[in-house]
Amino acid sequence: QVQLVESGGGLVQPGGSLRLSCTASGSIVSINGMGWYRQAPGKQRELVAGIASSGSTDYVDSVKDRFTISRDNAKNTVYLQMNSLKPEDTAVYYCNALIRDRRRNQVDNYWGQGTHITVSS
């Protein structure tokens, strides 16, 4: 069974930095796109950043030039480096990945458990 496990959330002051990690484990054949979503209280979940297996990236406008997504394919891990954090970045952040697993031999959409980030002084 495939799992995504996140780490790196917490409380940070405005202007600070955090780095999120998400590692996929289980009977993995291959991982296609990976990404980070977030959901703030009372708001819909939104895509923050995505990275294809080729390494190409995409960001929501509000985090461009502040956040950087990267991946280590050898470790089945995706990262989100977040700099110059703002109070409006406060949300639960979810890792997402399109994974082909060995048992089902099909690509499915997997989610991490979510990690809280609070940006506050």
PDB file of N, CA and C in Angstrom:
ATOM      1  N   GLN A   1       0.843  -1.187   0.000  1.00  0.00           N
ATOM      2  CA  GLN A   1       0.000   0.000   0.000  1.00  0.00           C
ATOM      3  C   GLN A   1       0.880   1.239   0.000  1.00  0.00           C
ATOM      4  N   VAL A   2       0.495   2.215  -0.788  1.00  0.00           N
ATOM      5  CA  VAL A   2       1.286   3.432  -0.913  1.00  0.00           C
ATOM      6  C   VAL A   2       0.870   4.450   0.137  1.00  0.00           C
ATOM      7  N   GLN A   3       1.850   5.101   0.723  1.00  0.00           N
ATOM      8  CA  GLN A   3       1.586   6.152   1.703  1.00  0.00           C
ATOM      9  C   GLN A   3       2.442   7.366   1.404  1.00  0.00           C
ATOM     10  N   LEU A   4       1.906   8.540   1.718  1.00  0.00           N
ATOM     11  CA  LEU A   4       2.651   9.784   1.671  1.00  0.00           C
ATOM     12  C   LEU A   4       2.745  10.326   3.090  1.00  0.00           C
ATOM     13  N   VAL A   5       3.950  10.579   3.553  1.00  0.00           N
ATOM     14  CA  VAL A   5       4.150  11.071   4.913  1.00  0.00           C
ATOM     15  C   VAL A   5       4.851  12.425   4.839  1.00  0.00           C
ATOM     16  N   GLU A   6       4.218  13.423   5.447  1.00  0.00           N
ATOM     17  CA  GLU A   6       4.738  14.784   5.417  1.00  0.00           C
ATOM     18  C   GLU A   6       5.437  15.132   6.726  1.00  0.00           C
ATOM     19  N   SER A   7       6.311  16.105   6.648  1.00  0.00           N
ATOM     20  CA  SER A   7       6.944  16.646   7.841  1.00  0.00           C
ATOM     21  C   SER A   7       7.371  18.081   7.568  1.00  0.00           C
ATOM     22  N   GLY A   8       7.576  18.832   8.660  1.00  0.00           N
ATOM     23  CA  GLY A   8       8.145  20.162   8.521  1.00  0.00           C
ATOM     24  C   GLY A   8       7.234  21.324   8.847  1.00  0.00           C
ATOM     25  N   GLY A   9       5.997  21.070   9.228  1.00  0.00           N
ATOM     26  CA  GLY A   9       5.100  22.174   9.548  1.00  0.00           C
ATOM     27  C   GLY A   9       5.398  22.774  10.908  1.00  0.00           C
ATOM     28  N   GLY A  10       4.633  23.808  11.264  1.00  0.00           N
ATOM     29  CA  GLY A  10       4.796  24.416  12.572  1.00  0.00           C
ATOM     30  C   GLY A  10       4.429  25.880  12.582  1.00  0.00           C
ATOM     31  N   LEU A  11       4.894  26.551  13.629  1.00  0.00           N
ATOM     32  CA  LEU A  11       4.629  27.976  13.828  1.00  0.00           C
ATOM     33  C   LEU A  11       5.865  28.773  13.434  1.00  0.00           C
ATOM     34  N   VAL A  12       5.655  29.822  12.659  1.00  0.00           N
ATOM     35  CA  VAL A  12       6.777  30.650  12.223  1.00  0.00           C
ATOM     36  C   VAL A  12       6.327  32.106  12.196  1.00  0.00           C
ATOM     37  N   GLN A  13       7.247  33.005  12.443  1.00  0.00           N
ATOM     38  CA  GLN A  13       6.933  34.432  12.411  1.00  0.00           C
ATOM     39  C   GLN A  13       6.886  34.933  10.968  1.00  0.00           C
ATOM     40  N   PRO A  14       6.137  35.996  10.733  1.00  0.00           N
ATOM     41  CA  PRO A  14       6.130  36.586   9.379  1.00  0.00           C
ATOM     42  C   PRO A  14       7.541  36.906   8.925  1.00  0.00           C
ATOM     43  N   GLY A  15       7.814  36.577   7.665  1.00  0.00           N
ATOM     44  CA  GLY A  15       9.150  36.772   7.122  1.00  0.00           C
ATOM     45  C   GLY A  15      10.066  35.581   7.288  1.00  0.00           C
ATOM     46  N   GLY A  16       9.620  34.611   8.061  1.00  0.00           N
ATOM     47  CA  GLY A  16      10.429  33.432   8.309  1.00  0.00           C
ATOM     48  C   GLY A  16      10.348  32.402   7.206  1.00  0.00           C
ATOM     49  N   SER A  17      11.019  31.289   7.437  1.00  0.00           N
ATOM     50  CA  SER A  17      11.088  30.219   6.442  1.00  0.00           C
ATOM     51  C   SER A  17      10.758  28.872   7.070  1.00  0.00           C
ATOM     52  N   LEU A  18      10.235  27.998   6.239  1.00  0.00           N
ATOM     53  CA  LEU A  18      10.001  26.607   6.606  1.00  0.00           C
ATOM     54  C   LEU A  18      10.254  25.737   5.392  1.00  0.00           C
ATOM     55  N   ARG A  19      10.583  24.486   5.652  1.00  0.00           N
ATOM     56  CA  ARG A  19      10.750  23.527   4.568  1.00  0.00           C
ATOM     57  C   ARG A  19       9.898  22.302   4.860  1.00  0.00           C
ATOM     58  N   LEU A  20       9.015  21.994   3.929  1.00  0.00           N
ATOM     59  CA  LEU A  20       8.186  20.807   4.035  1.00  0.00           C
ATOM     60  C   LEU A  20       8.800  19.668   3.226  1.00  0.00           C
ATOM     61  N   SER A  21       8.635  18.464   3.755  1.00  0.00           N
ATOM     62  CA  SER A  21       9.062  17.267   3.037  1.00  0.00           C
ATOM     63  C   SER A  21       7.904  16.290   2.973  1.00  0.00           C
ATOM     64  N   CYS A  22       7.883  15.515   1.915  1.00  0.00           N
ATOM     65  CA  CYS A  22       6.856  14.485   1.752  1.00  0.00           C
ATOM     66  C   CYS A  22       7.489  13.291   1.062  1.00  0.00           C
ATOM     67  N   THR A  23       7.449  12.141   1.719  1.00  0.00           N
ATOM     68  CA  THR A  23       8.060  10.937   1.176  1.00  0.00           C
ATOM     69  C   THR A  23       7.002   9.887   0.900  1.00  0.00           C
ATOM     70  N   ALA A  24       7.067   9.348  -0.294  1.00  0.00           N
ATOM     71  CA  ALA A  24       6.167   8.256  -0.678  1.00  0.00           C
ATOM     72  C   ALA A  24       6.840   6.922  -0.410  1.00  0.00           C
ATOM     73  N   SER A  25       6.054   5.983   0.103  1.00  0.00           N
ATOM     74  CA  SER A  25       6.589   4.660   0.380  1.00  0.00           C
ATOM     75  C   SER A  25       5.546   3.613   0.016  1.00  0.00           C
ATOM     76  N   GLY A  26       6.010   2.371  -0.121  1.00  0.00           N
ATOM     77  CA  GLY A  26       5.108   1.282  -0.468  1.00  0.00           C
ATOM     78  C   GLY A  26       5.516   0.639  -1.771  1.00  0.00           C
ATOM     79  N   SER A  27       4.551  -0.028  -2.371  1.00  0.00           N
ATOM     80  CA  SER A  27       4.824  -0.784  -3.594  1.00  0.00           C
ATOM     81  C   SER A  27       4.724   0.131  -4.821  1.00  0.00           C
ATOM     82  N   ILE A  28       5.719   0.994  -4.966  1.00  0.00           N
ATOM     83  CA  ILE A  28       5.711   2.030  -5.995  1.00  0.00           C
ATOM     84  C   ILE A  28       6.449   1.572  -7.243  1.00  0.00           C
ATOM     85  N   VAL A  29       5.791   1.733  -8.375  1.00  0.00           N
ATOM     86  CA  VAL A  29       6.450   1.478  -9.650  1.00  0.00           C
ATOM     87  C   VAL A  29       7.051   2.777 -10.182  1.00  0.00           C
ATOM     88  N   SER A  30       6.243   3.811 -10.169  1.00  0.00           N
ATOM     89  CA  SER A  30       6.720   5.104 -10.657  1.00  0.00           C
ATOM     90  C   SER A  30       5.858   6.224 -10.078  1.00  0.00           C
ATOM     91  N   ILE A  31       6.439   7.412 -10.035  1.00  0.00           N
ATOM     92  CA  ILE A  31       5.731   8.602  -9.548  1.00  0.00           C
ATOM     93  C   ILE A  31       5.725   9.640 -10.656  1.00  0.00           C
ATOM     94  N   ASN A  32       4.557  10.110 -11.014  1.00  0.00           N
ATOM     95  CA  ASN A  32       4.442  11.135 -12.042  1.00  0.00           C
ATOM     96  C   ASN A  32       4.498  12.510 -11.376  1.00  0.00           C
ATOM     97  N   GLY A  33       3.472  13.303 -11.538  1.00  0.00           N
ATOM     98  CA  GLY A  33       3.480  14.622 -10.923  1.00  0.00           C
ATOM     99  C   GLY A  33       3.368  14.565  -9.416  1.00  0.00           C
ATOM    100  N   MET A  34       3.997  15.528  -8.769  1.00  0.00           N
ATOM    101  CA  MET A  34       3.902  15.694  -7.323  1.00  0.00           C
ATOM    102  C   MET A  34       3.587  17.148  -7.042  1.00  0.00           C
ATOM    103  N   GLY A  35       2.947  17.401  -5.911  1.00  0.00           N
ATOM    104  CA  GLY A  35       2.608  18.785  -5.625  1.00  0.00           C
ATOM    105  C   GLY A  35       2.228  19.017  -4.189  1.00  0.00           C
ATOM    106  N   TRP A  36       2.057  20.297  -3.895  1.00  0.00           N
ATOM    107  CA  TRP A  36       1.604  20.720  -2.576  1.00  0.00           C
ATOM    108  C   TRP A  36       0.335  21.554  -2.733  1.00  0.00           C
ATOM    109  N   TYR A  37      -0.644  21.219  -1.930  1.00  0.00           N
ATOM    110  CA  TYR A  37      -1.888  21.972  -1.845  1.00  0.00           C
ATOM    111  C   TYR A  37      -1.992  22.561  -0.448  1.00  0.00           C
ATOM    112  N   ARG A  38      -2.868  23.527  -0.295  1.00  0.00           N
ATOM    113  CA  ARG A  38      -3.144  24.048   1.035  1.00  0.00           C
ATOM    114  C   ARG A  38      -4.612  24.403   1.164  1.00  0.00           C
ATOM    115  N   GLN A  39      -5.065  24.348   2.401  1.00  0.00           N
ATOM    116  CA  GLN A  39      -6.447  24.722   2.688  1.00  0.00           C
ATOM    117  C   GLN A  39      -6.475  25.557   3.951  1.00  0.00           C
ATOM    118  N   ALA A  40      -6.868  26.807   3.793  1.00  0.00           N
ATOM    119  CA  ALA A  40      -7.003  27.711   4.926  1.00  0.00           C
ATOM    120  C   ALA A  40      -8.416  27.582   5.490  1.00  0.00           C
ATOM    121  N   PRO A  41      -8.604  27.949   6.747  1.00  0.00           N
ATOM    122  CA  PRO A  41      -9.949  27.858   7.354  1.00  0.00           C
ATOM    123  C   PRO A  41     -10.987  28.607   6.535  1.00  0.00           C
ATOM    124  N   GLY A  42     -12.073  27.928   6.216  1.00  0.00           N
ATOM    125  CA  GLY A  42     -13.154  28.542   5.469  1.00  0.00           C
ATOM    126  C   GLY A  42     -12.910  28.714   3.996  1.00  0.00           C
ATOM    127  N   LYS A  43     -11.802  28.172   3.493  1.00  0.00           N
ATOM    128  CA  LYS A  43     -11.482  28.315   2.076  1.00  0.00           C
ATOM    129  C   LYS A  43     -11.336  26.957   1.413  1.00  0.00           C
ATOM    130  N   GLN A  44     -11.406  26.966   0.097  1.00  0.00           N
ATOM    131  CA  GLN A  44     -11.223  25.731  -0.647  1.00  0.00           C
ATOM    132  C   GLN A  44      -9.746  25.374  -0.734  1.00  0.00           C
ATOM    133  N   ARG A  45      -9.496  24.095  -0.912  1.00  0.00           N
ATOM    134  CA  ARG A  45      -8.123  23.642  -1.108  1.00  0.00           C
ATOM    135  C   ARG A  45      -7.618  24.170  -2.441  1.00  0.00           C
ATOM    136  N   GLU A  46      -6.383  24.669  -2.431  1.00  0.00           N
ATOM    137  CA  GLU A  46      -5.794  25.196  -3.666  1.00  0.00           C
ATOM    138  C   GLU A  46      -4.419  24.591  -3.910  1.00  0.00           C
ATOM    139  N   LEU A  47      -4.082  24.492  -5.190  1.00  0.00           N
ATOM    140  CA  LEU A  47      -2.755  24.025  -5.572  1.00  0.00           C
ATOM    141  C   LEU A  47      -1.758  25.152  -5.334  1.00  0.00           C
ATOM    142  N   VAL A  48      -0.730  24.877  -4.556  1.00  0.00           N
ATOM    143  CA  VAL A  48       0.310  25.854  -4.272  1.00  0.00           C
ATOM    144  C   VAL A  48       1.450  25.737  -5.280  1.00  0.00           C
ATOM    145  N   ALA A  49       1.917  24.509  -5.473  1.00  0.00           N
ATOM    146  CA  ALA A  49       3.038  24.277  -6.382  1.00  0.00           C
ATOM    147  C   ALA A  49       2.993  22.840  -6.863  1.00  0.00           C
ATOM    148  N   GLY A  50       3.418  22.647  -8.106  1.00  0.00           N
ATOM    149  CA  GLY A  50       3.476  21.310  -8.666  1.00  0.00           C
ATOM    150  C   GLY A  50       4.783  21.102  -9.405  1.00  0.00           C
ATOM    151  N   ILE A  51       5.198  19.851  -9.474  1.00  0.00           N
ATOM    152  CA  ILE A  51       6.428  19.523 -10.196  1.00  0.00           C
ATOM    153  C   ILE A  51       6.215  18.217 -10.946  1.00  0.00           C
ATOM    154  N   ALA A  52       6.517  18.249 -12.231  1.00  0.00           N
ATOM    155  CA  ALA A  52       6.359  17.066 -13.061  1.00  0.00           C
ATOM    156  C   ALA A  52       7.554  16.135 -12.894  1.00  0.00           C
ATOM    157  N   SER A  53       7.420  14.927 -13.418  1.00  0.00           N
ATOM    158  CA  SER A  53       8.537  13.986 -13.349  1.00  0.00           C
ATOM    159  C   SER A  53       9.740  14.511 -14.124  1.00  0.00           C
ATOM    160  N   SER A  54       9.487  15.382 -15.094  1.00  0.00           N
ATOM    161  CA  SER A  54      10.567  15.997 -15.872  1.00  0.00           C
ATOM    162  C   SER A  54      11.305  17.082 -15.088  1.00  0.00           C
ATOM    163  N   GLY A  55      10.666  17.545 -14.002  1.00  0.00           N
ATOM    164  CA  GLY A  55      11.254  18.618 -13.213  1.00  0.00           C
ATOM    165  C   GLY A  55      10.649  19.984 -13.464  1.00  0.00           C
ATOM    166  N   SER A  56       9.779  20.088 -14.446  1.00  0.00           N
ATOM    167  CA  SER A  56       9.140  21.378 -14.694  1.00  0.00           C
ATOM    168  C   SER A  56       8.200  21.712 -13.533  1.00  0.00           C
ATOM    169  N   THR A  57       8.109  22.983 -13.205  1.00  0.00           N
ATOM    170  CA  THR A  57       7.370  23.414 -12.024  1.00  0.00           C
ATOM    171  C   THR A  57       6.313  24.451 -12.373  1.00  0.00           C
ATOM    172  N   ASP A  58       5.362  24.592 -11.466  1.00  0.00           N
ATOM    173  CA  ASP A  58       4.310  25.582 -11.612  1.00  0.00           C
ATOM    174  C   ASP A  58       3.906  26.049 -10.222  1.00  0.00           C
ATOM    175  N   TYR A  59       3.550  27.326 -10.103  1.00  0.00           N
ATOM    176  CA  TYR A  59       3.211  27.905  -8.811  1.00  0.00           C
ATOM    177  C   TYR A  59       1.969  28.768  -8.927  1.00  0.00           C
ATOM    178  N   VAL A  60       1.215  28.824  -7.837  1.00  0.00           N
ATOM    179  CA  VAL A  60       0.142  29.798  -7.767  1.00  0.00           C
ATOM    180  C   VAL A  60       0.795  31.172  -7.644  1.00  0.00           C
ATOM    181  N   ASP A  61       0.170  32.184  -8.197  1.00  0.00           N
ATOM    182  CA  ASP A  61       0.787  33.511  -8.265  1.00  0.00           C
ATOM    183  C   ASP A  61       1.202  34.037  -6.890  1.00  0.00           C
ATOM    184  N   SER A  62       0.416  33.741  -5.873  1.00  0.00           N
ATOM    185  CA  SER A  62       0.652  34.323  -4.554  1.00  0.00           C
ATOM    186  C   SER A  62       1.939  33.837  -3.893  1.00  0.00           C
ATOM    187  N   VAL A  63       2.539  32.757  -4.399  1.00  0.00           N
ATOM    188  CA  VAL A  63       3.760  32.230  -3.773  1.00  0.00           C
ATOM    189  C   VAL A  63       4.969  32.304  -4.692  1.00  0.00           C
ATOM    190  N   LYS A  64       4.772  32.765  -5.912  1.00  0.00           N
ATOM    191  CA  LYS A  64       5.903  32.879  -6.837  1.00  0.00           C
ATOM    192  C   LYS A  64       6.980  33.777  -6.244  1.00  0.00           C
ATOM    193  N   ASP A  65       8.214  33.385  -6.432  1.00  0.00           N
ATOM    194  CA  ASP A  65       9.389  34.104  -5.933  1.00  0.00           C
ATOM    195  C   ASP A  65       9.578  33.954  -4.425  1.00  0.00           C
ATOM    196  N   ARG A  66       8.679  33.228  -3.759  1.00  0.00           N
ATOM    197  CA  ARG A  66       8.848  32.986  -2.323  1.00  0.00           C
ATOM    198  C   ARG A  66       8.992  31.487  -2.018  1.00  0.00           C
ATOM    199  N   PHE A  67       8.254  30.656  -2.739  1.00  0.00           N
ATOM    200  CA  PHE A  67       8.276  29.214  -2.502  1.00  0.00           C
ATOM    201  C   PHE A  67       9.017  28.522  -3.646  1.00  0.00           C
ATOM    202  N   THR A  68       9.680  27.413  -3.310  1.00  0.00           N
ATOM    203  CA  THR A  68      10.355  26.601  -4.322  1.00  0.00           C
ATOM    204  C   THR A  68      10.035  25.134  -4.093  1.00  0.00           C
ATOM    205  N   ILE A  69       9.518  24.487  -5.120  1.00  0.00           N
ATOM    206  CA  ILE A  69       9.235  23.056  -5.043  1.00  0.00           C
ATOM    207  C   ILE A  69      10.367  22.308  -5.735  1.00  0.00           C
ATOM    208  N   SER A  70      10.739  21.170  -5.157  1.00  0.00           N
ATOM    209  CA  SER A  70      11.773  20.332  -5.755  1.00  0.00           C
ATOM    210  C   SER A  70      11.473  18.871  -5.404  1.00  0.00           C
ATOM    211  N   ARG A  71      12.152  17.971  -6.063  1.00  0.00           N
ATOM    212  CA  ARG A  71      11.931  16.553  -5.777  1.00  0.00           C
ATOM    213  C   ARG A  71      13.238  15.789  -5.911  1.00  0.00           C
ATOM    214  N   ASP A  72      13.319  14.723  -5.124  1.00  0.00           N
ATOM    215  CA  ASP A  72      14.434  13.790  -5.187  1.00  0.00           C
ATOM    216  C   ASP A  72      13.840  12.455  -5.599  1.00  0.00           C
ATOM    217  N   ASN A  73      13.967  12.118  -6.859  1.00  0.00           N
ATOM    218  CA  ASN A  73      13.319  10.905  -7.362  1.00  0.00           C
ATOM    219  C   ASN A  73      13.899   9.642  -6.737  1.00  0.00           C
ATOM    220  N   ALA A  74      15.166   9.666  -6.392  1.00  0.00           N
ATOM    221  CA  ALA A  74      15.786   8.491  -5.770  1.00  0.00           C
ATOM    222  C   ALA A  74      15.197   8.216  -4.388  1.00  0.00           C
ATOM    223  N   LYS A  75      14.708   9.270  -3.741  1.00  0.00           N
ATOM    224  CA  LYS A  75      14.137   9.129  -2.399  1.00  0.00           C
ATOM    225  C   LYS A  75      12.612   9.190  -2.400  1.00  0.00           C
ATOM    226  N   ASN A  76      12.018   9.306  -3.590  1.00  0.00           N
ATOM    227  CA  ASN A  76      10.548   9.421  -3.695  1.00  0.00           C
ATOM    228  C   ASN A  76      10.034  10.559  -2.809  1.00  0.00           C
ATOM    229  N   THR A  77      10.747  11.657  -2.814  1.00  0.00           N
ATOM    230  CA  THR A  77      10.447  12.754  -1.901  1.00  0.00           C
ATOM    231  C   THR A  77      10.273  14.066  -2.664  1.00  0.00           C
ATOM    232  N   VAL A  78       9.295  14.836  -2.224  1.00  0.00           N
ATOM    233  CA  VAL A  78       9.082  16.181  -2.749  1.00  0.00           C
ATOM    234  C   VAL A  78       9.230  17.167  -1.599  1.00  0.00           C
ATOM    235  N   TYR A  79       9.787  18.324  -1.912  1.00  0.00           N
ATOM    236  CA  TYR A  79      10.044  19.351  -0.906  1.00  0.00           C
ATOM    237  C   TYR A  79       9.332  20.639  -1.297  1.00  0.00           C
ATOM    238  N   LEU A  80       9.056  21.442  -0.281  1.00  0.00           N
ATOM    239  CA  LEU A  80       8.556  22.788  -0.526  1.00  0.00           C
ATOM    240  C   LEU A  80       9.314  23.729   0.404  1.00  0.00           C
ATOM    241  N   GLN A  81      10.203  24.516  -0.169  1.00  0.00           N
ATOM    242  CA  GLN A  81      10.928  25.531   0.581  1.00  0.00           C
ATOM    243  C   GLN A  81      10.106  26.811   0.559  1.00  0.00           C
ATOM    244  N   MET A  82       9.741  27.285   1.728  1.00  0.00           N
ATOM    245  CA  MET A  82       8.890  28.458   1.839  1.00  0.00           C
ATOM    246  C   MET A  82       9.645  29.576   2.540  1.00  0.00           C
ATOM    247  N   ASN A  83       9.861  30.661   1.838  1.00  0.00           N
ATOM    248  CA  ASN A  83      10.561  31.828   2.380  1.00  0.00           C
ATOM    249  C   ASN A  83       9.610  33.023   2.434  1.00  0.00           C
ATOM    250  N   SER A  84      10.015  34.018   3.191  1.00  0.00           N
ATOM    251  CA  SER A  84       9.225  35.258   3.311  1.00  0.00           C
ATOM    252  C   SER A  84       7.761  34.950   3.599  1.00  0.00           C
ATOM    253  N   LEU A  85       7.544  34.099   4.564  1.00  0.00           N
ATOM    254  CA  LEU A  85       6.181  33.671   4.870  1.00  0.00           C
ATOM    255  C   LEU A  85       5.329  34.819   5.374  1.00  0.00           C
ATOM    256  N   LYS A  86       4.055  34.764   5.002  1.00  0.00           N
ATOM    257  CA  LYS A  86       3.096  35.795   5.374  1.00  0.00           C
ATOM    258  C   LYS A  86       1.951  35.162   6.159  1.00  0.00           C
ATOM    259  N   PRO A  87       1.242  35.943   6.957  1.00  0.00           N
ATOM    260  CA  PRO A  87       0.100  35.386   7.701  1.00  0.00           C
ATOM    261  C   PRO A  87      -0.917  34.696   6.782  1.00  0.00           C
ATOM    262  N   GLU A  88      -1.073  35.203   5.563  1.00  0.00           N
ATOM    263  CA  GLU A  88      -2.033  34.583   4.650  1.00  0.00           C
ATOM    264  C   GLU A  88      -1.567  33.229   4.114  1.00  0.00           C
ATOM    265  N   ASP A  89      -0.348  32.826   4.427  1.00  0.00           N
ATOM    266  CA  ASP A  89       0.119  31.486   4.084  1.00  0.00           C
ATOM    267  C   ASP A  89      -0.331  30.443   5.120  1.00  0.00           C
ATOM    268  N   THR A  90      -0.932  30.907   6.195  1.00  0.00           N
ATOM    269  CA  THR A  90      -1.419  29.994   7.237  1.00  0.00           C
ATOM    270  C   THR A  90      -2.470  29.058   6.661  1.00  0.00           C
ATOM    271  N   ALA A  91      -2.237  27.757   6.823  1.00  0.00           N
ATOM    272  CA  ALA A  91      -3.141  26.761   6.257  1.00  0.00           C
ATOM    273  C   ALA A  91      -2.647  25.371   6.643  1.00  0.00           C
ATOM    274  N   VAL A  92      -3.458  24.377   6.298  1.00  0.00           N
ATOM    275  CA  VAL A  92      -2.989  22.990   6.329  1.00  0.00           C
ATOM    276  C   VAL A  92      -2.441  22.678   4.940  1.00  0.00           C
ATOM    277  N   TYR A  93      -1.236  22.205   4.890  1.00  0.00           N
ATOM    278  CA  TYR A  93      -0.575  21.894   3.624  1.00  0.00           C
ATOM    279  C   TYR A  93      -0.601  20.383   3.394  1.00  0.00           C
ATOM    280  N   TYR A  94      -1.007  20.002   2.193  1.00  0.00           N
ATOM    281  CA  TYR A  94      -1.135  18.594   1.831  1.00  0.00           C
ATOM    282  C   TYR A  94      -0.206  18.267   0.658  1.00  0.00           C
ATOM    283  N   CYS A  95       0.468  17.159   0.795  1.00  0.00           N
ATOM    284  CA  CYS A  95       1.266  16.621  -0.295  1.00  0.00           C
ATOM    285  C   CYS A  95       0.363  15.784  -1.203  1.00  0.00           C
ATOM    286  N   ASN A  96       0.658  15.798  -2.484  1.00  0.00           N
ATOM    287  CA  ASN A  96      -0.131  15.040  -3.449  1.00  0.00           C
ATOM    288  C   ASN A  96       0.800  14.416  -4.480  1.00  0.00           C
ATOM    289  N   ALA A  97       0.462  13.208  -4.916  1.00  0.00           N
ATOM    290  CA  ALA A  97       1.297  12.566  -5.932  1.00  0.00           C
ATOM    291  C   ALA A  97       0.471  11.601  -6.772  1.00  0.00           C
ATOM    292  N   LEU A  98       0.815  11.522  -8.030  1.00  0.00           N
ATOM    293  CA  LEU A  98       0.230  10.542  -8.945  1.00  0.00           C
ATOM    294  C   LEU A  98       1.195   9.374  -9.034  1.00  0.00           C
ATOM    295  N   ILE A  99       0.761   8.233  -8.511  1.00  0.00           N
ATOM    296  CA  ILE A  99       1.671   7.107  -8.327  1.00  0.00           C
ATOM    297  C   ILE A  99       1.106   5.851  -8.975  1.00  0.00           C
ATOM    298  N   ARG A 100       1.960   5.150  -9.699  1.00  0.00           N
ATOM    299  CA  ARG A 100       1.610   3.821 -10.190  1.00  0.00           C
ATOM    300  C   ARG A 100       2.150   2.817  -9.177  1.00  0.00           C
ATOM    301  N   ASP A 101       1.244   2.042  -8.581  1.00  0.00           N
ATOM    302  CA  ASP A 101       1.723   1.081  -7.603  1.00  0.00           C
ATOM    303  C   ASP A 101       1.747  -0.313  -8.205  1.00  0.00           C
ATOM    304  N   ARG A 102       2.545  -1.152  -7.606  1.00  0.00           N
ATOM    305  CA  ARG A 102       2.834  -2.477  -8.164  1.00  0.00           C
ATOM    306  C   ARG A 102       1.615  -3.399  -8.124  1.00  0.00           C
ATOM    307  N   ARG A 103       0.825  -3.278  -7.060  1.00  0.00           N
ATOM    308  CA  ARG A 103      -0.320  -4.180  -6.901  1.00  0.00           C
ATOM    309  C   ARG A 103      -1.410  -3.908  -7.927  1.00  0.00           C
ATOM    310  N   ARG A 104      -1.778  -2.643  -8.078  1.00  0.00           N
ATOM    311  CA  ARG A 104      -2.896  -2.288  -8.948  1.00  0.00           C
ATOM    312  C   ARG A 104      -2.447  -2.031 -10.379  1.00  0.00           C
ATOM    313  N   ASN A 105      -1.177  -1.709 -10.568  1.00  0.00           N
ATOM    314  CA  ASN A 105      -0.610  -1.394 -11.879  1.00  0.00           C
ATOM    315  C   ASN A 105      -1.435  -0.334 -12.598  1.00  0.00           C
ATOM    316  N   GLN A 106      -1.821   0.683 -11.857  1.00  0.00           N
ATOM    317  CA  GLN A 106      -2.513   1.820 -12.448  1.00  0.00           C
ATOM    318  C   GLN A 106      -2.109   3.062 -11.664  1.00  0.00           C
ATOM    319  N   VAL A 107      -2.290   4.203 -12.294  1.00  0.00           N
ATOM    320  CA  VAL A 107      -1.915   5.471 -11.648  1.00  0.00           C
ATOM    321  C   VAL A 107      -3.089   5.971 -10.817  1.00  0.00           C
ATOM    322  N   ASP A 108      -2.832   6.209  -9.551  1.00  0.00           N
ATOM    323  CA  ASP A 108      -3.846   6.739  -8.637  1.00  0.00           C
ATOM    324  C   ASP A 108      -3.332   8.013  -7.986  1.00  0.00           C
ATOM    325  N   ASN A 109      -4.268   8.775  -7.475  1.00  0.00           N
ATOM    326  CA  ASN A 109      -3.975  10.041  -6.820  1.00  0.00           C
ATOM    327  C   ASN A 109      -3.876   9.810  -5.309  1.00  0.00           C
ATOM    328  N   TYR A 110      -2.736  10.148  -4.727  1.00  0.00           N
ATOM    329  CA  TYR A 110      -2.523   9.929  -3.306  1.00  0.00           C
ATOM    330  C   TYR A 110      -2.315  11.256  -2.586  1.00  0.00           C
ATOM    331  N   TRP A 111      -2.741  11.269  -1.309  1.00  0.00           N
ATOM    332  CA  TRP A 111      -2.633  12.466  -0.479  1.00  0.00           C
ATOM    333  C   TRP A 111      -1.905  12.152   0.820  1.00  0.00           C
ATOM    334  N   GLY A 112      -1.153  13.133   1.296  1.00  0.00           N
ATOM    335  CA  GLY A 112      -0.585  13.051   2.618  1.00  0.00           C
ATOM    336  C   GLY A 112      -1.637  13.404   3.661  1.00  0.00           C
ATOM    337  N   GLN A 113      -1.241  13.304   4.925  1.00  0.00           N
ATOM    338  CA  GLN A 113      -2.186  13.513   6.019  1.00  0.00           C
ATOM    339  C   GLN A 113      -2.394  14.987   6.331  1.00  0.00           C
ATOM    340  N   GLY A 114      -1.548  15.828   5.803  1.00  0.00           N
ATOM    341  CA  GLY A 114      -1.648  17.268   6.052  1.00  0.00           C
ATOM    342  C   GLY A 114      -0.763  17.699   7.207  1.00  0.00           C
ATOM    343  N   THR A 115      -0.183  18.891   7.059  1.00  0.00           N
ATOM    344  CA  THR A 115       0.645  19.450   8.121  1.00  0.00           C
ATOM    345  C   THR A 115       0.284  20.926   8.279  1.00  0.00           C
ATOM    346  N   HIS A 116       0.116  21.343   9.526  1.00  0.00           N
ATOM    347  CA  HIS A 116      -0.313  22.704   9.808  1.00  0.00           C
ATOM    348  C   HIS A 116       0.860  23.679   9.757  1.00  0.00           C
ATOM    349  N   ILE A 117       0.617  24.800   9.123  1.00  0.00           N
ATOM    350  CA  ILE A 117       1.565  25.908   9.139  1.00  0.00           C
ATOM    351  C   ILE A 117       0.828  27.149   9.612  1.00  0.00           C
ATOM    352  N   THR A 118       1.363  27.759  10.650  1.00  0.00           N
ATOM    353  CA  THR A 118       0.803  28.991  11.174  1.00  0.00           C
ATOM    354  C   THR A 118       1.864  30.069  11.105  1.00  0.00           C
ATOM    355  N   VAL A 119       1.533  31.155  10.440  1.00  0.00           N
ATOM    356  CA  VAL A 119       2.447  32.294  10.317  1.00  0.00           C
ATOM    357  C   VAL A 119       1.871  33.418  11.165  1.00  0.00           C
ATOM    358  N   SER A 120       2.532  33.685  12.274  1.00  0.00           N
ATOM    359  CA  SER A 120       1.997  34.659  13.219  1.00  0.00           C
ATOM    360  C   SER A 120       3.112  35.181  14.108  1.00  0.00           C
ATOM    361  N   SER A 121       2.964  36.437  14.515  1.00  0.00           N
ATOM    362  CA  SER A 121       3.926  37.018  15.454  1.00  0.00           C
ATOM    363  C   SER A 121       3.424  36.871  16.881  1.00  0.00           C
TER     364      SER A 121
END
